[in-house]
């Protein structure tokens, strides 16, 4: 599977309560169960009016299907080609 960043424009998401965020996570998890092993949600960052979600998926089509089933919109999908961090400097 490939790793993707999914950018979602969700007005007011930065002000959502924990209950509202739990509801979104629940909707996401239910969609993942329906789709099966071709997609995995790793984590998401909530920032202002957006979320940036990290997923493993077999294809962008799996991500689109997840958005349809969960009701959580997708603004942009970017395939991640490399990961670097502070330890990369030691190579």
C-alpha atoms as a PDB file:
ATOM      1  CA  UNK A   1       0.000   0.000   0.000  1.00  0.00           C
ATOM      2  CA  UNK A   2       1.020   3.594  -0.576  1.00  0.00           C
ATOM      3  CA  UNK A   3       0.891   6.413   1.965  1.00  0.00           C
ATOM      4  CA  UNK A   4      -1.267   9.472   1.250  1.00  0.00           C
ATOM      5  CA  UNK A   5      -2.020  12.845   2.809  1.00  0.00           C
ATOM      6  CA  UNK A   6      -5.701  13.705   2.479  1.00  0.00           C
ATOM      7  CA  UNK A   7      -6.536  17.373   2.870  1.00  0.00           C
ATOM      8  CA  UNK A   8     -10.104  18.108   3.902  1.00  0.00           C
ATOM      9  CA  UNK A   9     -11.701  21.579   4.044  1.00  0.00           C
ATOM     10  CA  UNK A  10     -14.214  21.379   6.890  1.00  0.00           C
ATOM     11  CA  UNK A  11     -15.505  24.762   8.080  1.00  0.00           C
ATOM     12  CA  UNK A  12     -15.223  25.106  11.853  1.00  0.00           C
ATOM     13  CA  UNK A  13     -13.406  21.788  12.418  1.00  0.00           C
ATOM     14  CA  UNK A  14     -10.851  23.497  14.648  1.00  0.00           C
ATOM     15  CA  UNK A  15     -13.672  24.420  17.033  1.00  0.00           C
ATOM     16  CA  UNK A  16     -15.360  20.990  17.061  1.00  0.00           C
ATOM     17  CA  UNK A  17     -15.963  19.460  20.467  1.00  0.00           C
ATOM     18  CA  UNK A  18     -14.440  16.133  21.431  1.00  0.00           C
ATOM     19  CA  UNK A  19     -17.902  14.587  20.921  1.00  0.00           C
ATOM     20  CA  UNK A  20     -18.083  15.936  17.358  1.00  0.00           C
ATOM     21  CA  UNK A  21     -14.560  14.696  16.583  1.00  0.00           C
ATOM     22  CA  UNK A  22     -15.459  11.276  18.013  1.00  0.00           C
ATOM     23  CA  UNK A  23     -18.465  11.175  15.692  1.00  0.00           C
ATOM     24  CA  UNK A  24     -16.271  11.907  12.681  1.00  0.00           C
ATOM     25  CA  UNK A  25     -13.790   9.221  13.748  1.00  0.00           C
ATOM     26  CA  UNK A  26     -16.651   6.751  14.199  1.00  0.00           C
ATOM     27  CA  UNK A  27     -17.971   7.503  10.686  1.00  0.00           C
ATOM     28  CA  UNK A  28     -14.466   7.011   9.308  1.00  0.00           C
ATOM     29  CA  UNK A  29     -13.993   3.702  11.139  1.00  0.00           C
ATOM     30  CA  UNK A  30     -17.352   2.388   9.899  1.00  0.00           C
ATOM     31  CA  UNK A  31     -16.404   3.231   6.307  1.00  0.00           C
ATOM     32  CA  UNK A  32     -13.033   1.504   6.757  1.00  0.00           C
ATOM     33  CA  UNK A  33     -14.792  -1.651   8.010  1.00  0.00           C
ATOM     34  CA  UNK A  34     -17.056  -1.650   4.954  1.00  0.00           C
ATOM     35  CA  UNK A  35     -14.189  -1.205   2.487  1.00  0.00           C
ATOM     36  CA  UNK A  36     -11.924  -3.812   4.065  1.00  0.00           C
ATOM     37  CA  UNK A  37      -8.151  -4.178   4.212  1.00  0.00           C
ATOM     38  CA  UNK A  38      -7.319  -1.987   1.181  1.00  0.00           C
ATOM     39  CA  UNK A  39      -7.184   1.184   3.271  1.00  0.00           C
ATOM     40  CA  UNK A  40      -5.980   2.152   6.754  1.00  0.00           C
ATOM     41  CA  UNK A  41      -6.293   5.438   8.625  1.00  0.00           C
ATOM     42  CA  UNK A  42      -3.113   6.247  10.552  1.00  0.00           C
ATOM     43  CA  UNK A  43      -3.932   9.640  12.116  1.00  0.00           C
ATOM     44  CA  UNK A  44      -5.171  13.147  11.370  1.00  0.00           C
ATOM     45  CA  UNK A  45      -4.132  16.687  12.217  1.00  0.00           C
ATOM     46  CA  UNK A  46      -6.839  19.277  12.865  1.00  0.00           C
ATOM     47  CA  UNK A  47      -5.704  22.795  11.954  1.00  0.00           C
ATOM     48  CA  UNK A  48      -8.083  25.712  11.627  1.00  0.00           C
ATOM     49  CA  UNK A  49     -10.616  24.960   8.902  1.00  0.00           C
ATOM     50  CA  UNK A  50      -8.851  21.814   7.650  1.00  0.00           C
ATOM     51  CA  UNK A  51      -7.784  18.340   8.539  1.00  0.00           C
ATOM     52  CA  UNK A  52      -4.698  16.623   7.158  1.00  0.00           C
ATOM     53  CA  UNK A  53      -5.160  12.863   7.333  1.00  0.00           C
ATOM     54  CA  UNK A  54      -2.509  10.211   6.811  1.00  0.00           C
ATOM     55  CA  UNK A  55      -3.775   7.013   5.200  1.00  0.00           C
ATOM     56  CA  UNK A  56      -2.297   3.852   3.761  1.00  0.00           C
ATOM     57  CA  UNK A  57      -4.255   2.728   0.714  1.00  0.00           C
ATOM     58  CA  UNK A  58      -4.006   0.525  -2.343  1.00  0.00           C
ATOM     59  CA  UNK A  59      -5.212   3.401  -4.542  1.00  0.00           C
ATOM     60  CA  UNK A  60      -6.769   6.847  -4.617  1.00  0.00           C
ATOM     61  CA  UNK A  61     -10.050   5.138  -5.527  1.00  0.00           C
ATOM     62  CA  UNK A  62     -10.096   3.544  -2.055  1.00  0.00           C
ATOM     63  CA  UNK A  63      -9.739   7.014  -0.546  1.00  0.00           C
ATOM     64  CA  UNK A  64     -12.598   8.354  -2.681  1.00  0.00           C
ATOM     65  CA  UNK A  65     -14.790   5.422  -1.667  1.00  0.00           C
ATOM     66  CA  UNK A  66     -13.987   6.088   1.991  1.00  0.00           C
ATOM     67  CA  UNK A  67     -15.010   9.755   1.576  1.00  0.00           C
ATOM     68  CA  UNK A  68     -18.329   8.691   0.007  1.00  0.00           C
ATOM     69  CA  UNK A  69     -19.155   6.150   2.696  1.00  0.00           C
ATOM     70  CA  UNK A  70     -18.056   8.283   5.646  1.00  0.00           C
ATOM     71  CA  UNK A  71     -19.570  11.537   4.406  1.00  0.00           C
ATOM     72  CA  UNK A  72     -16.261  13.294   5.073  1.00  0.00           C
ATOM     73  CA  UNK A  73     -15.239  15.406   2.057  1.00  0.00           C
ATOM     74  CA  UNK A  74     -11.848  15.262   0.354  1.00  0.00           C
ATOM     75  CA  UNK A  75     -10.310  18.458  -1.018  1.00  0.00           C
ATOM     76  CA  UNK A  76      -6.944  17.095  -2.146  1.00  0.00           C
ATOM     77  CA  UNK A  77      -5.106  13.758  -2.160  1.00  0.00           C
ATOM     78  CA  UNK A  78      -1.307  13.648  -2.357  1.00  0.00           C
ATOM     79  CA  UNK A  79       0.715  10.452  -2.587  1.00  0.00           C
ATOM     80  CA  UNK A  80       3.745  10.534  -0.293  1.00  0.00           C
ATOM     81  CA  UNK A  81       6.933   9.548  -2.090  1.00  0.00           C
ATOM     82  CA  UNK A  82       9.406   9.781   0.813  1.00  0.00           C
ATOM     83  CA  UNK A  83       9.460  10.374   4.549  1.00  0.00           C
ATOM     84  CA  UNK A  84      12.261  12.318   6.186  1.00  0.00           C
ATOM     85  CA  UNK A  85      12.814  13.267   9.810  1.00  0.00           C
ATOM     86  CA  UNK A  86      15.723  14.508  11.969  1.00  0.00           C
ATOM     87  CA  UNK A  87      17.343  11.054  11.851  1.00  0.00           C
ATOM     88  CA  UNK A  88      17.558  11.276   8.047  1.00  0.00           C
ATOM     89  CA  UNK A  89      20.522  13.632   8.560  1.00  0.00           C
ATOM     90  CA  UNK A  90      22.489  10.706  10.033  1.00  0.00           C
ATOM     91  CA  UNK A  91      22.492   8.734   6.751  1.00  0.00           C
END
